[in-house]
Amino acid sequence: MTAVPTARERVVRRLPAAGLTLTFVLLAFVPLTLQTYQIGEWTFAMAFAIAAVGLNTMIADGGLVSLGHNAFFAFGAYTTAWLASHNVSYWQCLFVVAGMSLVLGWLIGPPIVRLGHLNFALLTVGIGFVAPTIAIRLDSVTGGANGEALPAFVAPGWTGLTSVAWLYYMGLLVLLVCLLAIIGLRRSQAGRALRAQRDNSPAAEAFGVQVGRLRCGVFALSVMMAGIGGWLWGIAAGFVAPDSFDSTISIALLAGVVVGGLGLPATAIFAGIFAQFLPSLSSNISPAFGGLVQGAIIVVVLLVARRGVLGTVRQFIVGLGDRVSHGSGDDAAA
């Protein structure tokens, strides 16, 4: 006999899907309500959010922390710039960038994931620091310190939208596909095995889980999504240069994922918005101490909401469902 789900269980099951659906509905209205330059800022936020999708999964499910995602973000942007300069359409660039980033992740993953969590994090820090220097040295491909301009993005005439609005919707669609892919992965047998090796690697290996292969896979997937985020960022910016991809991108993405709440699907969107708008918000509060204000905001949020902003909201709603369930039980007993 199948047990009837309690009110709390129903709330817990429906909350992520309901929250994600509502978020995308609200995001769909951005081009309809904001000015052109504001839509551009939200497009940058979508680019960061796409990169955060893979980072969130790698940390929450894989147990690996990367501080070098700015390098993979730059790889996507520079690859897009090079392809576009050779008359490849931006939609075609998307698939090429995704494939090349995935291969890049598989190539550099095996030697670093086997070194342990701490060494993995330190090595990704090195990758993040060296990426701008490599971009400067490869001046024949990247334009060196002067950077490289991308062809102007033009929306198809049948859309009836401005180029900025159409690019935003492209980014929103890609973000949705990435999130659905990750949700499917987390529900699959591979996702369960990934979390098993995160919680207890020796026990997972004893049950036949290929820990090294799984870690390489989630790392490669995260690199691919960072590259796709760079693809969107490069098109929106119209120009790529080494100083646009320093390690602050990696720190902002990591902080956004942690502050948002690890493992929740909507956390990637929160992280994208966090990475894009927190620096300007901090500068508006205190132009002289923008970095200090950012750090203070992060510290205060984590002290107040240890599960992250979205995790705390989820916990509150689940607790509210619990109280409703208990109240209904009391009424039935009376």
Protein backbone atom coordinates (compact mmCIF):
# COMPACT_ATOMS: atom_id res chain seq x y z
CA MET A 1 0.00 0.00 0.00
CA THR A 2 1.44 3.36 -1.07
CA ALA A 3 1.71 5.96 1.68
CA VAL A 4 -0.09 9.24 1.05
CA PRO A 5 2.43 12.13 0.94
CA THR A 6 2.18 14.54 3.84
CA ALA A 7 1.75 18.28 3.35
CA ARG A 8 5.43 18.78 4.08
CA GLU A 9 6.48 16.19 1.49
CA ARG A 10 4.25 17.76 -1.13
CA VAL A 11 5.74 21.19 -0.45
CA VAL A 12 9.31 19.87 -0.59
CA ARG A 13 8.69 18.07 -3.90
CA ARG A 14 6.98 20.96 -5.64
CA LEU A 15 9.01 23.86 -4.28
CA PRO A 16 12.08 23.70 -6.60
CA ALA A 17 10.00 23.33 -9.76
CA ALA A 18 7.53 26.03 -8.73
CA GLY A 19 10.28 28.44 -7.73
CA LEU A 20 12.23 27.85 -10.94
CA THR A 21 9.13 28.28 -13.11
CA LEU A 22 8.20 31.53 -11.39
CA THR A 23 11.77 32.81 -11.75
CA PHE A 24 11.83 32.19 -15.50
CA VAL A 25 8.42 33.81 -15.93
CA LEU A 26 9.71 36.93 -14.19
CA LEU A 27 12.95 36.89 -16.20
CA ALA A 28 10.96 36.71 -19.43
CA PHE A 29 9.54 40.17 -18.69
CA VAL A 30 12.97 41.84 -18.39
CA PRO A 31 13.18 43.05 -22.03
CA LEU A 32 9.59 44.25 -21.86
CA THR A 33 10.05 46.46 -18.82
CA LEU A 34 13.66 47.73 -18.82
CA GLN A 35 15.72 50.06 -20.96
CA THR A 36 18.30 48.86 -23.47
CA TYR A 37 21.40 49.24 -21.31
CA GLN A 38 19.63 47.49 -18.41
CA ILE A 39 18.70 44.57 -20.66
CA GLY A 40 22.38 44.35 -21.56
CA GLU A 41 23.31 44.12 -17.88
CA TRP A 42 20.82 41.30 -17.38
CA THR A 43 22.30 39.50 -20.40
CA PHE A 44 25.68 39.57 -18.64
CA ALA A 45 23.93 38.18 -15.55
CA MET A 46 22.53 35.32 -17.66
CA ALA A 47 26.06 34.59 -18.92
CA PHE A 48 27.35 34.33 -15.36
CA ALA A 49 24.32 32.22 -14.42
CA ILE A 50 25.08 29.69 -17.17
CA ALA A 51 28.63 29.35 -15.84
CA ALA A 52 27.26 29.02 -12.29
CA VAL A 53 25.02 26.08 -13.31
CA GLY A 54 28.02 23.81 -13.77
CA LEU A 55 29.94 25.26 -10.83
CA ASN A 56 26.99 24.69 -8.50
CA THR A 57 26.72 21.06 -9.56
CA MET A 58 30.46 20.45 -9.33
CA ILE A 59 30.57 21.79 -5.75
CA ALA A 60 27.24 20.49 -4.42
CA ASP A 61 27.26 17.06 -6.07
CA GLY A 62 30.89 16.45 -6.96
CA GLY A 63 32.46 17.94 -3.85
CA LEU A 64 35.05 19.82 -5.95
CA VAL A 65 35.69 23.55 -5.56
CA SER A 66 37.06 25.50 -8.52
CA LEU A 67 38.57 28.98 -8.38
CA GLY A 68 39.66 28.96 -12.00
CA HIS A 69 36.39 29.28 -13.87
CA ASN A 70 37.42 32.68 -15.21
CA ALA A 71 39.86 30.80 -17.47
CA PHE A 72 37.14 28.60 -18.96
CA PHE A 73 34.82 31.61 -19.22
CA ALA A 74 37.56 33.40 -21.18
CA PHE A 75 38.09 30.33 -23.35
CA GLY A 76 34.45 30.46 -24.44
CA ALA A 77 34.56 34.19 -25.15
CA TYR A 78 37.83 34.09 -27.11
CA THR A 79 36.77 31.02 -29.09
CA THR A 80 33.55 32.79 -30.03
CA ALA A 81 35.49 35.88 -31.10
CA TRP A 82 37.84 33.84 -33.29
CA LEU A 83 35.04 31.83 -34.89
CA ALA A 84 32.87 34.89 -35.50
CA SER A 85 35.80 36.64 -37.20
CA HIS A 86 35.85 33.69 -39.62
CA ASN A 87 32.16 34.14 -40.52
CA VAL A 88 30.76 31.44 -38.25
CA SER A 89 27.27 32.34 -37.01
CA TYR A 90 26.76 32.85 -33.31
CA TRP A 91 24.41 29.87 -33.02
CA GLN A 92 27.04 27.67 -34.67
CA CYS A 93 29.62 29.16 -32.32
CA LEU A 94 27.54 27.97 -29.38
CA PHE A 95 27.82 24.31 -30.35
CA VAL A 96 31.50 24.57 -31.27
CA VAL A 97 32.33 26.33 -27.99
CA ALA A 98 30.33 23.76 -26.01
CA GLY A 99 32.11 20.85 -27.69
CA MET A 100 35.59 22.36 -27.40
CA SER A 101 35.06 23.32 -23.75
CA LEU A 102 33.87 19.82 -22.94
CA VAL A 103 36.96 18.33 -24.59
CA LEU A 104 39.16 20.81 -22.72
CA GLY A 105 37.61 19.73 -19.43
CA TRP A 106 38.19 16.05 -20.22
CA LEU A 107 41.81 16.74 -21.17
CA ILE A 108 42.85 18.68 -18.07
CA GLY A 109 40.50 16.90 -15.65
CA PRO A 110 42.23 13.53 -15.12
CA PRO A 111 45.58 14.86 -13.87
CA ILE A 112 44.06 17.28 -11.36
CA VAL A 113 40.96 15.56 -9.94
CA ARG A 114 43.07 12.66 -8.64
CA LEU A 115 45.15 15.00 -6.46
CA GLY A 116 42.46 15.47 -3.81
CA HIS A 117 40.04 18.27 -3.04
CA LEU A 118 42.51 20.79 -1.61
CA ASN A 119 45.12 20.37 -4.33
CA PHE A 120 42.38 20.49 -6.96
CA ALA A 121 41.21 23.87 -5.64
CA LEU A 122 44.79 25.21 -5.55
CA LEU A 123 45.50 24.06 -9.09
CA THR A 124 42.36 25.74 -10.40
CA VAL A 125 43.54 28.96 -8.71
CA GLY A 126 46.72 28.69 -10.76
CA ILE A 127 44.74 28.07 -13.94
CA GLY A 128 42.68 31.18 -13.24
CA PHE A 129 45.73 33.34 -12.64
CA VAL A 130 47.62 32.20 -15.73
CA ALA A 131 44.70 32.54 -18.18
CA PRO A 132 44.98 36.33 -18.78
CA THR A 133 48.73 35.97 -19.36
CA ILE A 134 48.16 33.24 -21.94
CA ALA A 135 45.62 35.46 -23.68
CA ILE A 136 48.22 38.23 -23.90
CA ARG A 137 50.93 35.90 -25.23
CA LEU A 138 48.73 34.38 -27.94
CA ASP A 139 48.31 37.74 -29.61
CA SER A 140 47.96 36.25 -33.10
CA VAL A 141 44.74 34.55 -31.98
CA THR A 142 43.44 36.68 -29.13
CA GLY A 143 44.61 40.16 -30.14
CA GLY A 144 46.98 40.28 -27.19
CA ALA A 145 46.64 43.03 -24.61
CA ASN A 146 44.59 45.12 -27.03
CA GLY A 147 41.86 42.49 -27.21
CA GLU A 148 39.61 41.63 -30.12
CA ALA A 149 36.26 42.97 -31.27
CA LEU A 150 33.36 40.71 -32.21
CA PRO A 151 30.99 41.35 -35.12
CA ALA A 152 27.84 43.15 -34.07
CA PHE A 153 24.99 40.86 -33.10
CA VAL A 154 21.86 41.47 -35.19
CA ALA A 155 18.46 40.01 -34.38
CA PRO A 156 16.48 38.37 -37.22
CA GLY A 157 13.88 40.70 -38.66
CA TRP A 158 11.00 38.29 -38.05
CA THR A 159 11.42 38.56 -34.27
CA GLY A 160 10.28 42.16 -34.07
CA LEU A 161 12.75 42.61 -31.19
CA THR A 162 15.85 44.71 -30.79
CA SER A 163 19.18 42.92 -31.02
CA VAL A 164 19.80 43.42 -27.30
CA ALA A 165 16.42 41.93 -26.34
CA TRP A 166 16.81 38.98 -28.73
CA LEU A 167 20.27 38.19 -27.38
CA TYR A 168 18.86 38.25 -23.85
CA TYR A 169 16.17 35.73 -24.80
CA MET A 170 18.82 33.55 -26.46
CA GLY A 171 20.77 33.55 -23.21
CA LEU A 172 17.65 32.81 -21.19
CA LEU A 173 16.82 29.85 -23.43
CA VAL A 174 20.34 28.44 -23.16
CA LEU A 175 20.24 28.87 -19.38
CA LEU A 176 16.96 26.96 -19.22
CA VAL A 177 18.37 24.09 -21.29
CA CYS A 178 21.47 23.91 -19.07
CA LEU A 179 19.38 23.85 -15.91
CA LEU A 180 17.07 21.13 -17.25
CA ALA A 181 20.11 19.06 -18.25
CA ILE A 182 21.57 19.38 -14.75
CA ILE A 183 18.24 18.52 -13.09
CA GLY A 184 18.07 15.40 -15.27
CA LEU A 185 21.64 14.49 -14.33
CA ARG A 186 20.97 14.89 -10.61
CA ARG A 187 17.96 12.56 -10.83
CA SER A 188 19.83 9.92 -12.81
CA GLN A 189 21.89 7.01 -11.57
CA ALA A 190 25.05 8.94 -12.43
CA GLY A 191 23.89 11.82 -10.24
CA ARG A 192 23.24 9.51 -7.31
CA ALA A 193 26.65 7.92 -7.77
CA LEU A 194 28.22 11.36 -7.91
CA ARG A 195 26.73 12.32 -4.56
CA ALA A 196 27.72 8.96 -3.11
CA GLN A 197 31.40 9.52 -3.91
CA ARG A 198 31.12 13.06 -2.51
CA ASP A 199 29.82 11.76 0.83
CA ASN A 200 32.08 8.71 1.15
CA SER A 201 34.55 8.06 -1.64
CA PRO A 202 35.99 4.73 -0.32
CA ALA A 203 32.52 3.28 0.26
CA ALA A 204 31.40 4.38 -3.22
CA GLU A 205 34.43 2.71 -4.78
CA ALA A 206 33.68 -0.46 -2.82
CA PHE A 207 30.24 -0.55 -4.48
CA GLY A 208 31.76 -0.23 -7.94
CA VAL A 209 31.50 3.54 -8.47
CA GLN A 210 34.26 4.86 -10.74
CA VAL A 211 35.11 7.90 -8.66
CA GLY A 212 37.82 9.31 -10.93
CA ARG A 213 35.67 9.07 -14.05
CA LEU A 214 32.71 10.69 -12.32
CA ARG A 215 34.79 13.58 -11.04
CA CYS A 216 36.32 14.14 -14.46
CA GLY A 217 32.85 14.06 -15.97
CA VAL A 218 31.35 16.66 -13.64
CA PHE A 219 34.44 18.84 -14.02
CA ALA A 220 34.23 18.65 -17.84
CA LEU A 221 30.52 19.47 -17.68
CA SER A 222 31.26 22.48 -15.50
CA VAL A 223 34.00 23.65 -17.88
CA MET A 224 31.58 23.30 -20.81
CA MET A 225 28.96 25.48 -19.14
CA ALA A 226 31.58 28.06 -18.20
CA GLY A 227 32.58 28.16 -21.86
CA ILE A 228 28.96 28.61 -22.92
CA GLY A 229 28.66 31.47 -20.43
CA GLY A 230 31.73 33.03 -22.03
CA TRP A 231 30.08 32.62 -25.44
CA LEU A 232 27.11 34.72 -24.34
CA TRP A 233 29.26 37.24 -22.47
CA GLY A 234 31.50 37.81 -25.49
CA ILE A 235 28.56 38.43 -27.83
CA ALA A 236 26.93 40.83 -25.35
CA ALA A 237 30.15 42.75 -24.69
CA GLY A 238 31.19 42.87 -28.36
CA PHE A 239 34.82 42.95 -27.25
CA VAL A 240 37.13 40.57 -25.36
CA ALA A 241 40.37 41.53 -23.62
CA PRO A 242 42.57 39.79 -21.01
CA ASP A 243 41.72 42.19 -18.19
CA SER A 244 38.04 41.26 -18.54
CA PHE A 245 38.69 37.73 -17.28
CA ASP A 246 40.69 38.02 -14.09
CA SER A 247 40.20 35.82 -11.04
CA THR A 248 37.50 38.08 -9.58
CA ILE A 249 35.03 36.33 -11.90
CA SER A 250 35.79 32.98 -10.27
CA ILE A 251 35.51 34.45 -6.78
CA ALA A 252 32.23 36.18 -7.60
CA LEU A 253 30.73 32.99 -9.06
CA LEU A 254 31.84 30.90 -6.10
CA ALA A 255 30.53 33.47 -3.61
CA GLY A 256 27.22 33.70 -5.48
CA VAL A 257 26.74 29.92 -5.45
CA VAL A 258 27.53 29.64 -1.73
CA VAL A 259 25.46 32.68 -0.72
CA GLY A 260 22.55 31.50 -2.88
CA GLY A 261 22.49 27.97 -1.45
CA LEU A 262 24.41 24.96 -2.73
CA GLY A 263 22.58 22.36 -4.78
CA LEU A 264 19.37 24.29 -5.52
CA PRO A 265 18.52 24.75 -9.22
CA ALA A 266 17.68 28.45 -8.86
CA THR A 267 21.02 29.11 -7.16
CA ALA A 268 22.71 29.49 -10.55
CA ILE A 269 20.38 32.37 -11.44
CA PHE A 270 20.99 33.96 -8.05
CA ALA A 271 24.76 33.58 -8.56
CA GLY A 272 24.58 35.23 -11.98
CA ILE A 273 22.66 38.19 -10.62
CA PHE A 274 25.00 38.31 -7.62
CA ALA A 275 28.14 38.34 -9.77
CA GLN A 276 26.80 41.01 -12.12
CA PHE A 277 25.09 43.45 -9.78
CA LEU A 278 26.80 43.16 -6.39
CA PRO A 279 29.96 45.07 -7.45
CA SER A 280 27.94 48.02 -8.76
CA LEU A 281 25.67 47.93 -5.71
CA SER A 282 28.71 47.98 -3.43
CA SER A 283 30.25 50.86 -5.38
CA ASN A 284 27.03 52.85 -5.07
CA ILE A 285 27.03 52.31 -1.31
CA SER A 286 30.70 53.25 -0.92
CA PRO A 287 32.76 54.14 -4.03
CA ALA A 288 35.99 54.13 -2.00
CA PHE A 289 35.40 50.80 -0.27
CA GLY A 290 33.49 48.73 -2.83
CA GLY A 291 35.40 45.52 -2.09
CA LEU A 292 34.96 45.97 1.64
CA VAL A 293 31.22 46.43 1.23
CA GLN A 294 30.99 43.29 -0.93
CA GLY A 295 32.82 41.27 1.69
CA ALA A 296 30.65 42.65 4.48
CA ILE A 297 27.46 41.78 2.59
CA ILE A 298 28.64 38.20 2.03
CA VAL A 299 29.65 37.76 5.67
CA VAL A 300 26.37 39.16 7.01
CA VAL A 301 24.24 37.05 4.68
CA LEU A 302 26.07 33.83 5.58
CA LEU A 303 25.86 34.59 9.29
CA VAL A 304 22.13 35.20 9.06
CA ALA A 305 21.35 32.49 6.48
CA ARG A 306 23.83 29.65 6.85
CA ARG A 307 22.06 27.55 4.21
CA GLY A 308 22.27 30.44 1.77
CA VAL A 309 19.51 32.84 0.80
CA LEU A 310 17.48 30.38 -1.27
CA GLY A 311 18.18 27.51 1.11
CA THR A 312 16.87 29.56 4.03
CA VAL A 313 13.75 30.55 2.07
CA ARG A 314 13.18 26.90 1.20
CA GLN A 315 13.61 25.87 4.83
CA PHE A 316 11.14 28.54 5.93
CA ILE A 317 8.48 27.39 3.44
CA VAL A 318 9.00 23.75 4.40
CA GLY A 319 8.66 24.72 8.07
CA LEU A 320 5.48 26.59 7.24
CA GLY A 321 4.15 23.48 5.50
CA ASP A 322 5.04 21.48 8.61
CA ARG A 323 3.02 23.83 10.81
CA VAL A 324 0.08 23.64 8.41
CA SER A 325 0.32 19.83 8.46
CA HIS A 326 0.42 19.71 12.26
CA GLY A 327 -2.47 22.15 12.45
CA SER A 328 -4.54 20.00 10.14
CA GLY A 329 -3.72 16.95 12.23
CA ASP A 330 -4.79 18.70 15.41
CA ASP A 331 -8.06 19.76 13.80
CA ALA A 332 -8.72 16.20 12.63
CA ALA A 333 -8.00 14.84 16.09
CA ALA A 334 -10.39 17.35 17.66
